[in-house]
Amino acid sequence: MIVYAEVEFMIHTAHSLKEKRAVLQRMVTRTKQKFNVSVAEIDHQNVWQRTRLALVAVASSKEAAEREITHALHYLESNPEWERLEMFREYL
């Protein structure tokens, strides 16, 4: 089972692309290390206060993949430096 999620964040603390990328790189790296998911920025690469991330989890069961995505999303949302704007999931 494959679970795909997209989540968009507003980074209120970033005042330049350099600050945005520092926050983004730290969170993406930690998420990949802590959870069995792939993460990539898929939109707003040149906008300094917004980002859209794609997360993918592959597992033998829907429940296992869903659990990894849910934990990774909760971890990303726990960052006080940004605010979630929207999110959706898809099951493949």
C-alpha atoms as a PDB file:
ATOM      1  CA  MET A   1       0.000   0.000   0.000  1.00  0.00           C
ATOM      2  CA  ILE A   2       1.192   3.500  -0.836  1.00  0.00           C
ATOM      3  CA  VAL A   3       0.004   6.569   1.071  1.00  0.00           C
ATOM      4  CA  TYR A   4       0.715   9.978  -0.431  1.00  0.00           C
ATOM      5  CA  ALA A   5       0.183  13.263   1.394  1.00  0.00           C
ATOM      6  CA  GLU A   6       0.709  16.902   0.504  1.00  0.00           C
ATOM      7  CA  VAL A   7       0.918  19.597   3.130  1.00  0.00           C
ATOM      8  CA  GLU A   8       1.411  23.334   2.749  1.00  0.00           C
ATOM      9  CA  PHE A   9       2.957  25.529   5.423  1.00  0.00           C
ATOM     10  CA  MET A  10       3.324  29.254   6.015  1.00  0.00           C
ATOM     11  CA  ILE A  11       6.698  30.018   7.612  1.00  0.00           C
ATOM     12  CA  HIS A  12       6.085  33.194   9.591  1.00  0.00           C
ATOM     13  CA  THR A  13       9.625  33.386  10.994  1.00  0.00           C
ATOM     14  CA  ALA A  14      11.341  33.387   7.568  1.00  0.00           C
ATOM     15  CA  HIS A  15      12.332  36.737   6.143  1.00  0.00           C
ATOM     16  CA  SER A  16      14.478  35.404   3.304  1.00  0.00           C
ATOM     17  CA  LEU A  17      14.919  32.273   1.215  1.00  0.00           C
ATOM     18  CA  LYS A  18      17.996  31.451   3.294  1.00  0.00           C
ATOM     19  CA  GLU A  19      15.954  31.441   6.532  1.00  0.00           C
ATOM     20  CA  LYS A  20      13.174  29.425   4.900  1.00  0.00           C
ATOM     21  CA  ARG A  21      15.599  26.813   3.609  1.00  0.00           C
ATOM     22  CA  ALA A  22      17.268  26.493   7.011  1.00  0.00           C
ATOM     23  CA  VAL A  23      13.917  25.695   8.665  1.00  0.00           C
ATOM     24  CA  LEU A  24      12.841  23.447   5.816  1.00  0.00           C
ATOM     25  CA  GLN A  25      16.073  21.474   5.587  1.00  0.00           C
ATOM     26  CA  ARG A  26      16.148  20.855   9.342  1.00  0.00           C
ATOM     27  CA  MET A  27      12.554  19.576   9.432  1.00  0.00           C
ATOM     28  CA  VAL A  28      12.799  17.469   6.260  1.00  0.00           C
ATOM     29  CA  THR A  29      16.027  15.807   7.420  1.00  0.00           C
ATOM     30  CA  ARG A  30      14.668  15.036  10.881  1.00  0.00           C
ATOM     31  CA  THR A  31      11.396  13.699   9.467  1.00  0.00           C
ATOM     32  CA  LYS A  32      13.235  11.326   7.133  1.00  0.00           C
ATOM     33  CA  GLN A  33      15.430  10.133  10.014  1.00  0.00           C
ATOM     34  CA  LYS A  34      12.573   9.566  12.476  1.00  0.00           C
ATOM     35  CA  PHE A  35       9.944   8.046  10.180  1.00  0.00           C
ATOM     36  CA  ASN A  36       9.863   5.604   7.288  1.00  0.00           C
ATOM     37  CA  VAL A  37       8.743   8.218   4.737  1.00  0.00           C
ATOM     38  CA  SER A  38      10.125  10.111   1.772  1.00  0.00           C
ATOM     39  CA  VAL A  39       9.757  13.903   1.859  1.00  0.00           C
ATOM     40  CA  ALA A  40      10.334  16.524  -0.824  1.00  0.00           C
ATOM     41  CA  GLU A  41       9.446  20.176  -1.376  1.00  0.00           C
ATOM     42  CA  ILE A  42       7.237  20.216  -4.480  1.00  0.00           C
ATOM     43  CA  ASP A  43       6.084  23.837  -4.753  1.00  0.00           C
ATOM     44  CA  HIS A  44       6.922  27.411  -3.690  1.00  0.00           C
ATOM     45  CA  GLN A  45      10.689  26.834  -3.893  1.00  0.00           C
ATOM     46  CA  ASN A  46      11.343  30.526  -4.576  1.00  0.00           C
ATOM     47  CA  VAL A  47       8.760  31.964  -2.163  1.00  0.00           C
ATOM     48  CA  TRP A  48      10.295  32.760   1.203  1.00  0.00           C
ATOM     49  CA  GLN A  49       7.290  32.235   3.502  1.00  0.00           C
ATOM     50  CA  ARG A  50       5.496  29.256   1.932  1.00  0.00           C
ATOM     51  CA  THR A  51       6.304  25.654   1.169  1.00  0.00           C
ATOM     52  CA  ARG A  52       4.425  22.603  -0.072  1.00  0.00           C
ATOM     53  CA  LEU A  53       5.798  19.219   0.932  1.00  0.00           C
ATOM     54  CA  ALA A  54       4.978  15.794  -0.444  1.00  0.00           C
ATOM     55  CA  LEU A  55       5.283  12.755   1.811  1.00  0.00           C
ATOM     56  CA  VAL A  56       5.107   9.128   0.692  1.00  0.00           C
ATOM     57  CA  ALA A  57       5.041   5.955   2.747  1.00  0.00           C
ATOM     58  CA  VAL A  58       5.124   2.442   1.307  1.00  0.00           C
ATOM     59  CA  ALA A  59       4.234  -0.559   3.460  1.00  0.00           C
ATOM     60  CA  SER A  60       2.708  -4.021   3.209  1.00  0.00           C
ATOM     61  CA  SER A  61      -0.546  -2.822   4.786  1.00  0.00           C
ATOM     62  CA  LYS A  62      -2.634   0.320   4.569  1.00  0.00           C
ATOM     63  CA  GLU A  63      -2.572   0.701   8.354  1.00  0.00           C
ATOM     64  CA  ALA A  64       1.239   0.655   8.569  1.00  0.00           C
ATOM     65  CA  ALA A  65       1.662   3.217   5.778  1.00  0.00           C
ATOM     66  CA  GLU A  66      -1.090   5.412   7.233  1.00  0.00           C
ATOM     67  CA  ARG A  67       0.534   5.265  10.679  1.00  0.00           C
ATOM     68  CA  GLU A  68       3.915   6.438   9.317  1.00  0.00           C
ATOM     69  CA  ILE A  69       2.342   9.324   7.374  1.00  0.00           C
ATOM     70  CA  THR A  70       0.227  10.359  10.372  1.00  0.00           C
ATOM     71  CA  HIS A  71       3.216  10.376  12.735  1.00  0.00           C
ATOM     72  CA  ALA A  72       5.347  12.300  10.230  1.00  0.00           C
ATOM     73  CA  LEU A  73       2.602  14.891   9.674  1.00  0.00           C
ATOM     74  CA  HIS A  74       2.103  15.362  13.423  1.00  0.00           C
ATOM     75  CA  TYR A  75       5.832  15.849  13.816  1.00  0.00           C
ATOM     76  CA  LEU A  76       5.935  18.444  11.021  1.00  0.00           C
ATOM     77  CA  GLU A  77       2.922  20.272  12.456  1.00  0.00           C
ATOM     78  CA  SER A  78       4.578  20.424  15.891  1.00  0.00           C
ATOM     79  CA  ASN A  79       7.171  22.907  14.614  1.00  0.00           C
ATOM     80  CA  PRO A  80       6.284  26.336  16.091  1.00  0.00           C
ATOM     81  CA  GLU A  81       8.087  28.135  13.254  1.00  0.00           C
ATOM     82  CA  TRP A  82       5.344  27.404  10.742  1.00  0.00           C
ATOM     83  CA  GLU A  83       1.587  27.009  10.384  1.00  0.00           C
ATOM     84  CA  ARG A  84      -0.217  24.379   8.325  1.00  0.00           C
ATOM     85  CA  LEU A  85      -2.423  25.867   5.624  1.00  0.00           C
ATOM     86  CA  GLU A  86      -3.805  22.785   3.900  1.00  0.00           C
ATOM     87  CA  MET A  87      -3.292  19.056   3.616  1.00  0.00           C
ATOM     88  CA  PHE A  88      -4.632  16.095   1.692  1.00  0.00           C
ATOM     89  CA  ARG A  89      -3.958  12.362   1.479  1.00  0.00           C
ATOM     90  CA  GLU A  90      -4.311   9.847  -1.284  1.00  0.00           C
ATOM     91  CA  TYR A  91      -4.172   6.053  -1.176  1.00  0.00           C
ATOM     92  CA  LEU A  92      -2.619   4.226  -4.123  1.00  0.00           C
END
